[in-house]
């Protein structure tokens, strides 16, 4: 029987307002704009 490997998705981009994590900077920016109603660039 083959051993099952656990797949973990990397999410290096963390929201400083709620600690949610995202795989891409663009996803983080969309989240901040939609859920925190903030416009502008997310710091690197």
PDB file of N, CA and C in Angstrom:
ATOM      1  N   UNK A   1       0.848  -1.170   0.000  1.00  0.00           N
ATOM      2  CA  UNK A   1       0.000   0.000   0.000  1.00  0.00           C
ATOM      3  C   UNK A   1       0.899   1.241   0.000  1.00  0.00           C
ATOM      4  N   UNK A   2       0.615   2.181  -0.879  1.00  0.00           N
ATOM      5  CA  UNK A   2       1.419   3.397  -0.995  1.00  0.00           C
ATOM      6  C   UNK A   2       1.058   4.383   0.113  1.00  0.00           C
ATOM      7  N   UNK A   3       2.084   5.043   0.605  1.00  0.00           N
ATOM      8  CA  UNK A   3       1.864   6.059   1.635  1.00  0.00           C
ATOM      9  C   UNK A   3       1.298   7.326   1.007  1.00  0.00           C
ATOM     10  N   UNK A   4       0.272   7.893   1.612  1.00  0.00           N
ATOM     11  CA  UNK A   4      -0.337   9.121   1.077  1.00  0.00           C
ATOM     12  C   UNK A   4       0.448  10.325   1.580  1.00  0.00           C
ATOM     13  N   UNK A   5       0.839  11.166   0.655  1.00  0.00           N
ATOM     14  CA  UNK A   5       1.548  12.392   1.008  1.00  0.00           C
ATOM     15  C   UNK A   5       0.533  13.502   1.241  1.00  0.00           C
ATOM     16  N   UNK A   6       0.724  14.247   2.299  1.00  0.00           N
ATOM     17  CA  UNK A   6      -0.150  15.383   2.554  1.00  0.00           C
ATOM     18  C   UNK A   6       0.298  16.543   1.674  1.00  0.00           C
ATOM     19  N   UNK A   7      -0.645  17.116   0.953  1.00  0.00           N
ATOM     20  CA  UNK A   7      -0.341  18.239   0.076  1.00  0.00           C
ATOM     21  C   UNK A   7      -0.584  19.522   0.848  1.00  0.00           C
ATOM     22  N   UNK A   8       0.449  20.342   0.911  1.00  0.00           N
ATOM     23  CA  UNK A   8       0.302  21.627   1.589  1.00  0.00           C
ATOM     24  C   UNK A   8       0.501  22.726   0.574  1.00  0.00           C
ATOM     25  N   UNK A   9      -0.411  23.667   0.573  1.00  0.00           N
ATOM     26  CA  UNK A   9      -0.345  24.779  -0.355  1.00  0.00           C
ATOM     27  C   UNK A   9       0.351  25.945   0.343  1.00  0.00           C
ATOM     28  N   UNK A  10       1.371  26.474  -0.308  1.00  0.00           N
ATOM     29  CA  UNK A  10       2.082  27.604   0.267  1.00  0.00           C
ATOM     30  C   UNK A  10       1.250  28.866   0.135  1.00  0.00           C
ATOM     31  N   UNK A  11       1.164  29.606   1.212  1.00  0.00           N
ATOM     32  CA  UNK A  11       0.435  30.876   1.247  1.00  0.00           C
ATOM     33  C   UNK A  11       1.305  31.892   1.992  1.00  0.00           C
ATOM     34  N   UNK A  12       2.310  32.427   1.308  1.00  0.00           N
ATOM     35  CA  UNK A  12       3.266  33.308   1.975  1.00  0.00           C
ATOM     36  C   UNK A  12       2.779  34.735   2.217  1.00  0.00           C
ATOM     37  N   UNK A  13       1.643  35.117   1.632  1.00  0.00           N
ATOM     38  CA  UNK A  13       1.171  36.495   1.746  1.00  0.00           C
ATOM     39  C   UNK A  13       0.089  36.582   2.818  1.00  0.00           C
ATOM     40  N   UNK A  14       0.412  37.240   3.935  1.00  0.00           N
ATOM     41  CA  UNK A  14      -0.491  37.303   5.079  1.00  0.00           C
ATOM     42  C   UNK A  14      -1.125  38.687   5.190  1.00  0.00           C
ATOM     43  N   UNK A  15      -2.427  38.710   5.441  1.00  0.00           N
ATOM     44  CA  UNK A  15      -3.147  39.957   5.667  1.00  0.00           C
ATOM     45  C   UNK A  15      -2.793  40.459   7.065  1.00  0.00           C
ATOM     46  N   UNK A  16      -2.324  41.697   7.155  1.00  0.00           N
ATOM     47  CA  UNK A  16      -1.950  42.264   8.448  1.00  0.00           C
ATOM     48  C   UNK A  16      -3.168  42.667   9.272  1.00  0.00           C
ATOM     49  N   UNK A  17      -4.342  42.673   8.641  1.00  0.00           N
ATOM     50  CA  UNK A  17      -5.551  43.101   9.339  1.00  0.00           C
ATOM     51  C   UNK A  17      -6.313  41.943   9.973  1.00  0.00           C
ATOM     52  N   UNK A  18      -6.209  40.737   9.386  1.00  0.00           N
ATOM     53  CA  UNK A  18      -6.975  39.608   9.929  1.00  0.00           C
ATOM     54  C   UNK A  18      -6.196  38.293   9.935  1.00  0.00           C
ATOM     55  N   UNK A  19      -4.963  38.290   9.473  1.00  0.00           N
ATOM     56  CA  UNK A  19      -4.091  37.106   9.478  1.00  0.00           C
ATOM     57  C   UNK A  19      -4.485  36.009   8.500  1.00  0.00           C
ATOM     58  N   UNK A  20      -5.434  36.270   7.582  1.00  0.00           N
ATOM     59  CA  UNK A  20      -5.687  35.316   6.502  1.00  0.00           C
ATOM     60  C   UNK A  20      -4.446  35.268   5.620  1.00  0.00           C
ATOM     61  N   UNK A  21      -4.235  34.141   4.943  1.00  0.00           N
ATOM     62  CA  UNK A  21      -3.044  33.972   4.111  1.00  0.00           C
ATOM     63  C   UNK A  21      -3.452  33.648   2.685  1.00  0.00           C
ATOM     64  N   UNK A  22      -2.595  34.050   1.714  1.00  0.00           N
ATOM     65  CA  UNK A  22      -2.909  33.910   0.300  1.00  0.00           C
ATOM     66  C   UNK A  22      -1.686  33.434  -0.468  1.00  0.00           C
ATOM     67  N   UNK A  23      -1.946  32.743  -1.571  1.00  0.00           N
ATOM     68  CA  UNK A  23      -0.880  32.181  -2.395  1.00  0.00           C
ATOM     69  C   UNK A  23      -0.193  33.249  -3.241  1.00  0.00           C
ATOM     70  N   UNK A  24      -0.930  34.302  -3.611  1.00  0.00           N
ATOM     71  CA  UNK A  24      -0.342  35.351  -4.450  1.00  0.00           C
ATOM     72  C   UNK A  24      -0.611  36.726  -3.851  1.00  0.00           C
ATOM     73  N   UNK A  25       0.227  37.667  -4.224  1.00  0.00           N
ATOM     74  CA  UNK A  25       0.065  39.051  -3.776  1.00  0.00           C
ATOM     75  C   UNK A  25      -1.244  39.633  -4.314  1.00  0.00           C
ATOM     76  N   UNK A  26      -1.604  39.248  -5.527  1.00  0.00           N
ATOM     77  CA  UNK A  26      -2.837  39.740  -6.134  1.00  0.00           C
ATOM     78  C   UNK A  26      -4.064  39.277  -5.339  1.00  0.00           C
ATOM     79  N   UNK A  27      -4.052  38.027  -4.882  1.00  0.00           N
ATOM     80  CA  UNK A  27      -5.159  37.530  -4.059  1.00  0.00           C
ATOM     81  C   UNK A  27      -5.254  38.317  -2.757  1.00  0.00           C
ATOM     82  N   UNK A  28      -4.109  38.635  -2.167  1.00  0.00           N
ATOM     83  CA  UNK A  28      -4.089  39.433  -0.944  1.00  0.00           C
ATOM     84  C   UNK A  28      -4.663  40.822  -1.198  1.00  0.00           C
ATOM     85  N   UNK A  29      -4.263  41.458  -2.292  1.00  0.00           N
ATOM     86  CA  UNK A  29      -4.777  42.785  -2.624  1.00  0.00           C
ATOM     87  C   UNK A  29      -6.291  42.753  -2.823  1.00  0.00           C
ATOM     88  N   UNK A  30      -6.784  41.755  -3.541  1.00  0.00           N
ATOM     89  CA  UNK A  30      -8.227  41.617  -3.754  1.00  0.00           C
ATOM     90  C   UNK A  30      -8.956  41.455  -2.416  1.00  0.00           C
ATOM     91  N   UNK A  31      -8.406  40.643  -1.532  1.00  0.00           N
ATOM     92  CA  UNK A  31      -8.988  40.411  -0.214  1.00  0.00           C
ATOM     93  C   UNK A  31      -9.071  41.711   0.585  1.00  0.00           C
ATOM     94  N   UNK A  32      -7.966  42.453   0.632  1.00  0.00           N
ATOM     95  CA  UNK A  32      -7.929  43.700   1.398  1.00  0.00           C
ATOM     96  C   UNK A  32      -8.955  44.682   0.852  1.00  0.00           C
ATOM     97  N   UNK A  33      -9.043  44.778  -0.462  1.00  0.00           N
ATOM     98  CA  UNK A  33      -9.997  45.705  -1.076  1.00  0.00           C
ATOM     99  C   UNK A  33     -11.437  45.286  -0.781  1.00  0.00           C
ATOM    100  N   UNK A  34     -11.724  43.994  -0.905  1.00  0.00           N
ATOM    101  CA  UNK A  34     -13.100  43.511  -0.759  1.00  0.00           C
ATOM    102  C   UNK A  34     -13.552  43.430   0.700  1.00  0.00           C
ATOM    103  N   UNK A  35     -12.724  42.867   1.573  1.00  0.00           N
ATOM    104  CA  UNK A  35     -13.161  42.599   2.939  1.00  0.00           C
ATOM    105  C   UNK A  35     -12.842  43.712   3.927  1.00  0.00           C
ATOM    106  N   UNK A  36     -11.822  44.493   3.638  1.00  0.00           N
ATOM    107  CA  UNK A  36     -11.439  45.559   4.560  1.00  0.00           C
ATOM    108  C   UNK A  36     -11.712  46.940   3.970  1.00  0.00           C
ATOM    109  N   UNK A  37     -12.290  46.980   2.758  1.00  0.00           N
ATOM    110  CA  UNK A  37     -12.680  48.208   2.071  1.00  0.00           C
ATOM    111  C   UNK A  37     -11.552  49.231   2.026  1.00  0.00           C
ATOM    112  N   UNK A  38     -10.348  48.740   1.749  1.00  0.00           N
ATOM    113  CA  UNK A  38      -9.191  49.616   1.624  1.00  0.00           C
ATOM    114  C   UNK A  38      -8.704  49.558   0.193  1.00  0.00           C
ATOM    115  N   UNK A  39      -8.417  50.711  -0.364  1.00  0.00           N
ATOM    116  CA  UNK A  39      -7.885  50.770  -1.719  1.00  0.00           C
ATOM    117  C   UNK A  39      -6.399  51.085  -1.620  1.00  0.00           C
ATOM    118  N   UNK A  40      -5.670  50.708  -2.636  1.00  0.00           N
ATOM    119  CA  UNK A  40      -4.248  51.009  -2.654  1.00  0.00           C
ATOM    120  C   UNK A  40      -3.419  49.753  -2.711  1.00  0.00           C
ATOM    121  N   UNK A  41      -2.136  49.963  -2.698  1.00  0.00           N
ATOM    122  CA  UNK A  41      -1.184  48.877  -2.850  1.00  0.00           C
ATOM    123  C   UNK A  41      -0.883  48.244  -1.501  1.00  0.00           C
ATOM    124  N   UNK A  42      -0.780  46.943  -1.490  1.00  0.00           N
ATOM    125  CA  UNK A  42      -0.400  46.209  -0.291  1.00  0.00           C
ATOM    126  C   UNK A  42       1.115  46.190  -0.231  1.00  0.00           C
ATOM    127  N   UNK A  43       1.709  46.529   0.914  1.00  0.00           N
ATOM    128  CA  UNK A  43       3.171  46.520   1.006  1.00  0.00           C
ATOM    129  C   UNK A  43       3.742  45.130   0.743  1.00  0.00           C
ATOM    130  N   UNK A  44       4.943  45.071   0.176  1.00  0.00           N
ATOM    131  CA  UNK A  44       5.557  43.765  -0.132  1.00  0.00           C
ATOM    132  C   UNK A  44       5.850  42.947   1.105  1.00  0.00           C
TER     133      UNK A  44
END
